[in-house]
């Protein structure tokens, strides 16, 4: 199948940057245009949209990660879920949070302010070798280690963590595990039960192909009722659909994770196209995306001009996520390559001194030809 037809024309651009922004497929564009019409002519807006859309999104996300819909909160990105966990426990000054060096800034932005306020401690995990592994965390575990906050796939080099191995170690020490799946949810098979995590956060605008400002937070059912209470968006109240007759004196939240939904959960501008994109992914199959990307990355590795570029991701495909990184022989040369690629209308990301190349179904060997034509000069 020519998957490129599922997206709008890229107008001569070679886009290999899904790890930054996933382009909306045509079905999502049509959904967005439909809801714009709702706002242009509000009498067309169905009342059910406010509650039905979030519920459908929850169901689709649950299918993608092997969870239950009631375990999922709808957020504006990964940071929202991180903040829920940070607010959800009575941390003590000696409690330790483990974060690996080079982790995405959202993790530090969540935990470091609490550390600076003396409410807990942040300990940095130093990779023993070039790429982070589950084993790198093990020497830092002790009775004070309360949580590990880490990415399932690293944003900077595409390293895929052996999360189930790390989860086993966490359970042995009574430590919580929070995984950030922003760089793989929608492009790699995920089953939260197999991963063994306690929490999972993700943006929705990368591999899930949703609009910017979307995401989700998954919490294992055993923690939902145990976490500290916090203010909830009113749509999480029991009986919220009948808000005109709701007894406000009770204020009980609906069981499940929706208590952590971002305000204005029924934002149909974002959720209608997100639903369309998620339906597209479910129907297409995440394994289709994964296999397609694996083929393209294997081809790229094989054709990489080794006299000019080196692989900046793990060489073993089993240790990588749905993308990979390459670099020139110096940081300066890598930056120059990045600028030359942009001039040639080939779009990738420059991350930590490497070029992050993140294809999707709309990419083909022809796109690699254009990429390599620049890398080889």
Protein backbone atom coordinates (compact mmCIF):
# COMPACT_ATOMS: atom_id res chain seq x y z
CA UNK A 1 0.00 0.00 0.00
CA UNK A 2 1.12 3.55 -0.72
CA UNK A 3 0.77 4.95 2.78
CA UNK A 4 1.74 8.43 1.62
CA UNK A 5 -1.79 8.87 0.27
CA UNK A 6 -3.08 8.80 3.84
CA UNK A 7 -1.40 12.18 4.37
CA UNK A 8 -1.63 15.48 2.54
CA UNK A 9 0.99 16.36 -0.05
CA UNK A 10 4.31 17.34 1.54
CA UNK A 11 4.98 19.79 -1.33
CA UNK A 12 8.44 18.51 -2.20
CA UNK A 13 9.58 18.32 1.41
CA UNK A 14 11.18 15.17 2.82
CA UNK A 15 9.84 15.02 6.36
CA UNK A 16 11.76 12.66 8.68
CA UNK A 17 10.87 14.34 11.95
CA UNK A 18 7.89 12.53 13.49
CA UNK A 19 9.75 12.40 16.81
CA UNK A 20 9.17 16.18 17.02
CA UNK A 21 5.73 16.55 15.43
CA UNK A 22 3.64 13.84 13.80
CA UNK A 23 1.74 15.26 10.80
CA UNK A 24 -2.01 14.84 10.97
CA UNK A 25 -3.29 12.24 8.51
CA UNK A 26 -6.06 13.25 6.12
CA UNK A 27 -8.77 11.68 8.27
CA UNK A 28 -7.68 13.85 11.20
CA UNK A 29 -7.65 16.97 9.03
CA UNK A 30 -11.23 16.23 7.95
CA UNK A 31 -12.24 15.75 11.59
CA UNK A 32 -10.65 19.08 12.52
CA UNK A 33 -12.48 20.83 9.68
CA UNK A 34 -15.76 19.33 10.87
CA UNK A 35 -15.38 20.65 14.40
CA UNK A 36 -14.39 24.07 13.12
CA UNK A 37 -17.79 24.07 11.46
CA UNK A 38 -19.33 23.26 14.86
CA UNK A 39 -17.79 26.43 16.25
CA UNK A 40 -18.70 28.49 13.20
CA UNK A 41 -22.31 27.32 13.51
CA UNK A 42 -22.68 26.24 17.17
CA UNK A 43 -26.20 24.92 16.68
CA UNK A 44 -24.56 21.96 14.88
CA UNK A 45 -22.47 21.06 17.94
CA UNK A 46 -23.90 17.82 19.45
CA UNK A 47 -24.21 17.96 23.23
CA UNK A 48 -22.81 14.45 23.43
CA UNK A 49 -19.45 15.67 22.09
CA UNK A 50 -18.38 16.97 25.49
CA UNK A 51 -18.52 13.55 27.15
CA UNK A 52 -18.46 11.06 24.28
CA UNK A 53 -15.25 12.31 22.68
CA UNK A 54 -13.10 11.90 25.83
CA UNK A 55 -14.58 8.47 26.45
CA UNK A 56 -13.78 7.32 22.92
CA UNK A 57 -10.23 8.64 23.18
CA UNK A 58 -9.77 6.75 26.45
CA UNK A 59 -10.98 3.53 24.84
CA UNK A 60 -8.66 3.88 21.83
CA UNK A 61 -5.63 4.65 24.00
CA UNK A 62 -6.44 1.66 26.19
CA UNK A 63 -6.36 -0.55 23.09
CA UNK A 64 -2.97 0.82 22.11
CA UNK A 65 -1.26 0.24 25.46
CA UNK A 66 -3.10 -2.82 26.80
CA UNK A 67 -4.84 -0.94 29.61
CA UNK A 68 -8.35 -0.29 30.87
CA UNK A 69 -10.04 2.97 29.82
CA UNK A 70 -10.71 3.94 33.44
CA UNK A 71 -6.94 3.91 34.09
CA UNK A 72 -6.32 6.71 31.59
CA UNK A 73 -6.47 10.47 32.07
CA UNK A 74 -6.44 12.84 29.10
CA UNK A 75 -3.75 15.51 29.36
CA UNK A 76 -2.07 18.25 27.35
CA UNK A 77 1.22 16.34 27.19
CA UNK A 78 3.63 14.20 29.20
CA UNK A 79 4.36 16.96 31.72
CA UNK A 80 0.77 16.91 33.00
CA UNK A 81 1.05 13.26 33.98
CA UNK A 82 4.45 13.82 35.59
CA UNK A 83 2.93 16.60 37.68
CA UNK A 84 0.07 14.31 38.79
CA UNK A 85 2.57 11.83 40.22
CA UNK A 86 4.60 14.61 41.84
CA UNK A 87 1.47 15.88 43.62
CA UNK A 88 0.10 12.44 44.37
CA UNK A 89 2.34 11.31 47.21
CA UNK A 90 3.47 12.64 50.58
CA UNK A 91 7.16 12.85 49.77
CA UNK A 92 9.63 13.10 52.63
CA UNK A 93 12.92 15.06 52.59
CA UNK A 94 15.00 11.87 52.46
CA UNK A 95 12.99 10.26 49.65
CA UNK A 96 15.05 9.81 46.49
CA UNK A 97 13.94 10.12 42.87
CA UNK A 98 16.25 8.59 40.25
CA UNK A 99 16.63 10.39 36.90
CA UNK A 100 19.25 9.52 34.29
CA UNK A 101 21.65 12.16 33.04
CA UNK A 102 20.51 13.53 29.69
CA UNK A 103 16.85 12.71 30.33
CA UNK A 104 14.23 14.91 28.66
CA UNK A 105 13.92 18.23 30.59
CA UNK A 106 10.29 17.59 31.61
CA UNK A 107 11.50 15.09 34.20
CA UNK A 108 13.89 17.58 35.79
CA UNK A 109 11.29 20.36 35.60
CA UNK A 110 8.93 18.12 37.57
CA UNK A 111 11.23 16.85 40.31
CA UNK A 112 14.01 19.40 40.72
CA UNK A 113 11.76 22.16 42.16
CA UNK A 114 10.67 19.74 44.90
CA UNK A 115 14.30 18.90 45.56
CA UNK A 116 15.25 22.59 45.77
CA UNK A 117 12.39 23.10 48.23
CA UNK A 118 13.79 20.31 50.43
CA UNK A 119 10.80 18.02 49.92
CA UNK A 120 12.80 15.17 48.37
CA UNK A 121 16.16 14.39 46.75
CA UNK A 122 16.98 13.89 43.08
CA UNK A 123 19.83 11.51 42.27
CA UNK A 124 21.38 11.41 38.81
CA UNK A 125 22.02 8.06 37.18
CA UNK A 126 25.23 7.99 35.16
CA UNK A 127 25.27 5.57 32.22
CA UNK A 128 28.24 3.23 32.58
CA UNK A 129 28.72 3.14 28.84
CA UNK A 130 27.50 5.29 25.97
CA UNK A 131 23.85 4.29 26.08
CA UNK A 132 21.61 4.02 29.14
CA UNK A 133 20.55 0.56 30.33
CA UNK A 134 18.30 -0.73 33.10
CA UNK A 135 21.38 -1.95 34.96
CA UNK A 136 22.69 1.61 35.28
CA UNK A 137 19.97 2.31 37.86
CA UNK A 138 20.67 -0.71 40.06
CA UNK A 139 23.68 0.60 42.10
CA UNK A 140 21.66 3.59 43.31
CA UNK A 141 18.76 1.59 44.74
CA UNK A 142 18.40 1.74 48.52
CA UNK A 143 15.66 1.94 51.13
CA UNK A 144 15.12 5.63 50.34
CA UNK A 145 14.61 5.17 46.58
CA UNK A 146 10.93 5.95 46.09
CA UNK A 147 10.59 6.44 42.34
CA UNK A 148 12.41 6.09 39.03
CA UNK A 149 11.39 8.69 36.42
CA UNK A 150 12.66 7.73 32.98
CA UNK A 151 11.87 7.47 29.27
CA UNK A 152 10.96 4.19 27.64
CA UNK A 153 12.75 5.47 24.52
CA UNK A 154 15.28 8.28 24.91
CA UNK A 155 14.65 11.45 22.93
CA UNK A 156 18.34 12.16 22.34
CA UNK A 157 19.64 8.88 20.90
CA UNK A 158 16.67 6.52 20.47
CA UNK A 159 17.83 4.07 23.15
CA UNK A 160 15.04 1.70 24.21
CA UNK A 161 15.09 0.83 27.89
CA UNK A 162 14.54 -2.73 29.11
CA UNK A 163 11.62 -1.50 31.21
CA UNK A 164 10.44 -4.90 32.44
CA UNK A 165 13.92 -5.63 33.84
CA UNK A 166 13.99 -2.25 35.56
CA UNK A 167 10.44 -2.80 36.86
CA UNK A 168 11.46 -6.07 38.53
CA UNK A 169 14.28 -4.30 40.34
CA UNK A 170 11.91 -1.51 41.38
CA UNK A 171 9.45 -3.99 42.87
CA UNK A 172 12.22 -5.68 44.84
CA UNK A 173 13.06 -2.35 46.48
CA UNK A 174 9.50 -1.05 46.87
CA UNK A 175 10.21 1.65 44.29
CA UNK A 176 7.67 3.17 41.88
CA UNK A 177 8.41 3.26 38.16
CA UNK A 178 7.21 6.11 35.95
CA UNK A 179 7.81 5.68 32.21
CA UNK A 180 7.64 8.40 29.58
CA UNK A 181 6.44 6.85 26.31
CA UNK A 182 6.34 10.05 24.26
CA UNK A 183 8.95 8.75 21.83
CA UNK A 184 7.31 5.41 21.11
CA UNK A 185 3.58 5.34 21.94
CA UNK A 186 1.86 4.78 18.60
CA UNK A 187 4.99 3.48 16.87
CA UNK A 188 5.94 0.55 19.07
CA UNK A 189 3.91 -2.19 20.72
CA UNK A 190 3.26 -1.28 24.35
CA UNK A 191 1.59 -3.40 26.98
CA UNK A 192 1.62 -1.79 30.39
CA UNK A 193 1.16 -5.11 32.17
CA UNK A 194 4.26 -6.52 30.48
CA UNK A 195 6.27 -3.37 31.13
CA UNK A 196 5.50 -3.59 34.84
CA UNK A 197 5.38 0.18 35.34
CA UNK A 198 3.24 1.99 37.90
CA UNK A 199 2.68 5.07 35.72
CA UNK A 200 3.07 5.94 32.06
CA UNK A 201 2.91 9.39 30.49
CA UNK A 202 2.99 10.44 26.86
CA UNK A 203 2.49 13.36 24.55
CA UNK A 204 -0.11 12.85 21.83
CA UNK A 205 1.36 14.94 19.02
CA UNK A 206 4.33 12.81 18.01
CA UNK A 207 3.87 9.13 17.12
CA UNK A 208 0.18 9.20 18.09
CA UNK A 209 -0.31 11.74 15.25
CA UNK A 210 -2.58 13.99 17.31
CA UNK A 211 -2.72 17.79 17.56
CA UNK A 212 -0.22 19.72 19.64
CA UNK A 213 -1.41 20.03 23.23
CA UNK A 214 -2.64 16.44 23.56
CA UNK A 215 -1.38 13.52 25.64
CA UNK A 216 -2.36 10.97 28.24
CA UNK A 217 -1.49 9.65 31.68
CA UNK A 218 -1.90 6.01 32.68
CA UNK A 219 -1.90 4.92 36.33
CA UNK A 220 -2.00 1.34 37.55
CA UNK A 221 -5.40 0.78 39.12
CA UNK A 222 -3.83 -0.07 42.49
CA UNK A 223 -2.58 3.51 42.89
CA UNK A 224 -5.53 5.55 41.69
CA UNK A 225 -7.48 5.56 44.95
CA UNK A 226 -4.33 5.64 47.12
CA UNK A 227 -2.85 8.84 45.74
CA UNK A 228 -3.46 12.13 47.51
CA UNK A 229 -6.69 13.91 46.57
CA UNK A 230 -6.37 16.94 44.33
CA UNK A 231 -8.73 19.36 42.60
CA UNK A 232 -10.45 17.81 39.59
CA UNK A 233 -12.06 19.20 36.48
CA UNK A 234 -15.83 19.29 37.03
CA UNK A 235 -16.49 16.75 34.26
CA UNK A 236 -14.84 14.12 36.47
CA UNK A 237 -17.62 14.44 39.06
CA UNK A 238 -20.07 11.61 39.39
CA UNK A 239 -23.19 12.49 37.43
CA UNK A 240 -21.45 15.37 35.63
CA UNK A 241 -23.43 14.75 32.45
CA UNK A 242 -26.52 15.92 34.36
CA UNK A 243 -24.69 18.99 35.67
CA UNK A 244 -27.87 21.06 35.67
CA UNK A 245 -29.25 18.91 38.50
CA UNK A 246 -25.98 17.91 40.16
CA UNK A 247 -25.82 18.12 43.96
CA UNK A 248 -22.73 20.26 44.40
CA UNK A 249 -22.52 19.52 48.11
CA UNK A 250 -21.32 15.97 47.43
CA UNK A 251 -18.58 16.58 44.88
CA UNK A 252 -17.52 12.95 44.52
CA UNK A 253 -15.24 12.17 41.63
CA UNK A 254 -15.89 9.28 39.29
CA UNK A 255 -13.72 6.26 40.14
CA UNK A 256 -10.69 5.98 37.89
CA UNK A 257 -8.04 8.21 36.40
CA UNK A 258 -10.35 10.78 34.80
CA UNK A 259 -10.00 12.80 38.04
CA UNK A 260 -6.68 13.93 36.53
CA UNK A 261 -8.07 14.91 33.15
CA UNK A 262 -6.81 18.28 31.99
CA UNK A 263 -9.40 21.07 32.28
CA UNK A 264 -11.68 21.47 29.27
CA UNK A 265 -11.37 17.75 28.59
CA UNK A 266 -14.09 17.99 25.98
CA UNK A 267 -11.91 20.25 23.80
CA UNK A 268 -13.30 19.02 20.50
CA UNK A 269 -10.76 21.07 18.51
CA UNK A 270 -8.06 18.69 19.76
CA UNK A 271 -9.97 15.51 20.55
CA UNK A 272 -11.89 15.07 17.30
CA UNK A 273 -8.74 14.95 15.14
CA UNK A 274 -6.98 12.94 17.83
CA UNK A 275 -9.77 10.36 17.75
CA UNK A 276 -9.43 10.11 13.97
CA UNK A 277 -5.65 9.64 14.22
CA UNK A 278 -5.98 7.00 16.94
CA UNK A 279 -8.58 5.12 14.92
CA UNK A 280 -6.20 5.24 11.97
CA UNK A 281 -3.39 3.78 14.10
CA UNK A 282 -5.61 1.07 15.59
CA UNK A 283 -6.89 0.05 12.16
CA UNK A 284 -3.45 0.19 10.55
CA UNK A 285 -1.74 -1.51 13.47
CA UNK A 286 1.17 -0.17 15.48
CA UNK A 287 3.17 -3.21 14.37
CA UNK A 288 2.80 -1.97 10.77
CA UNK A 289 4.40 1.34 11.73
CA UNK A 290 7.12 -0.46 13.67
CA UNK A 291 8.00 -2.89 10.88
CA UNK A 292 8.01 -0.13 8.27
CA UNK A 293 10.37 2.00 10.34
CA UNK A 294 12.62 -0.94 11.11
CA UNK A 295 13.05 -1.61 7.40
CA UNK A 296 13.87 2.02 6.66
CA UNK A 297 16.32 2.28 9.54
CA UNK A 298 18.08 -0.95 8.55
CA UNK A 299 18.45 0.45 5.04
CA UNK A 300 19.77 3.74 6.39
CA UNK A 301 22.36 2.00 8.57
CA UNK A 302 23.49 -0.13 5.62
CA UNK A 303 23.80 2.86 3.27
CA UNK A 304 25.27 5.33 5.77
CA UNK A 305 28.47 6.92 4.39
CA UNK A 306 30.83 5.72 7.12
CA UNK A 307 33.66 7.96 5.95
CA UNK A 308 31.54 10.98 6.90
CA UNK A 309 28.93 9.81 9.44
CA UNK A 310 28.68 7.47 12.42
CA UNK A 311 25.69 5.89 14.11
CA UNK A 312 24.74 7.81 17.26
CA UNK A 313 22.16 5.25 18.42
CA UNK A 314 22.67 1.66 19.60
CA UNK A 315 23.82 -0.57 16.75
CA UNK A 316 21.55 -3.40 17.91
CA UNK A 317 18.00 -2.77 16.60
CA UNK A 318 16.61 -4.51 19.70
CA UNK A 319 18.01 -1.66 21.79
CA UNK A 320 16.43 1.11 19.70
CA UNK A 321 13.00 2.69 19.46
CA UNK A 322 11.23 3.72 16.23
CA UNK A 323 13.98 6.12 15.08
CA UNK A 324 17.74 6.50 15.10
CA UNK A 325 20.43 9.17 15.24
CA UNK A 326 23.56 9.74 13.19
CA UNK A 327 26.38 12.26 13.53
CA UNK A 328 29.24 13.64 11.52
CA UNK A 329 32.80 13.33 12.79
CA UNK A 330 32.56 16.58 14.79
CA UNK A 331 29.77 18.57 16.43
CA UNK A 332 30.44 21.46 14.06
CA UNK A 333 30.17 19.24 11.00
CA UNK A 334 26.93 17.74 12.34
CA UNK A 335 25.45 21.23 12.75
CA UNK A 336 26.56 22.11 9.22
CA UNK A 337 24.90 18.94 7.89
CA UNK A 338 21.69 19.88 9.67
CA UNK A 339 21.65 23.29 7.96
CA UNK A 340 22.39 21.75 4.58
CA UNK A 341 19.55 19.29 5.01
CA UNK A 342 17.14 22.11 5.75
CA UNK A 343 18.33 23.98 2.67
CA UNK A 344 17.59 20.81 0.68
CA UNK A 345 14.09 20.60 2.24
CA UNK A 346 15.00 17.48 4.21
CA UNK A 347 13.69 17.90 7.75
CA UNK A 348 15.19 16.07 10.73
CA UNK A 349 16.02 17.21 14.28
CA UNK A 350 19.34 18.28 15.75
CA UNK A 351 19.54 16.75 19.22
CA UNK A 352 22.56 16.59 21.51
CA UNK A 353 25.05 16.87 18.68
CA UNK A 354 23.34 14.31 16.44
CA UNK A 355 20.79 14.21 13.65
CA UNK A 356 17.60 12.48 14.78
CA UNK A 357 15.95 10.74 11.84
CA UNK A 358 12.37 9.69 12.59
CA UNK A 359 10.39 8.24 9.67
CA UNK A 360 6.79 7.10 9.51
CA UNK A 361 4.54 5.29 7.06
CA UNK A 362 4.55 8.26 4.68
CA UNK A 363 8.32 7.84 4.19
CA UNK A 364 10.03 5.52 1.71
CA UNK A 365 13.46 4.62 0.31
CA UNK A 366 13.14 7.67 -1.95
CA UNK A 367 13.23 9.86 1.14
CA UNK A 368 16.37 8.10 2.31
CA UNK A 369 17.88 8.80 -1.12
CA UNK A 370 17.39 12.54 -0.58
CA UNK A 371 18.74 12.35 2.96
CA UNK A 372 21.83 10.36 1.96
CA UNK A 373 22.52 12.59 -1.02
CA UNK A 374 23.23 15.38 1.47
CA UNK A 375 25.00 13.25 4.08
CA UNK A 376 27.40 11.80 1.51
CA UNK A 377 28.67 15.14 0.14
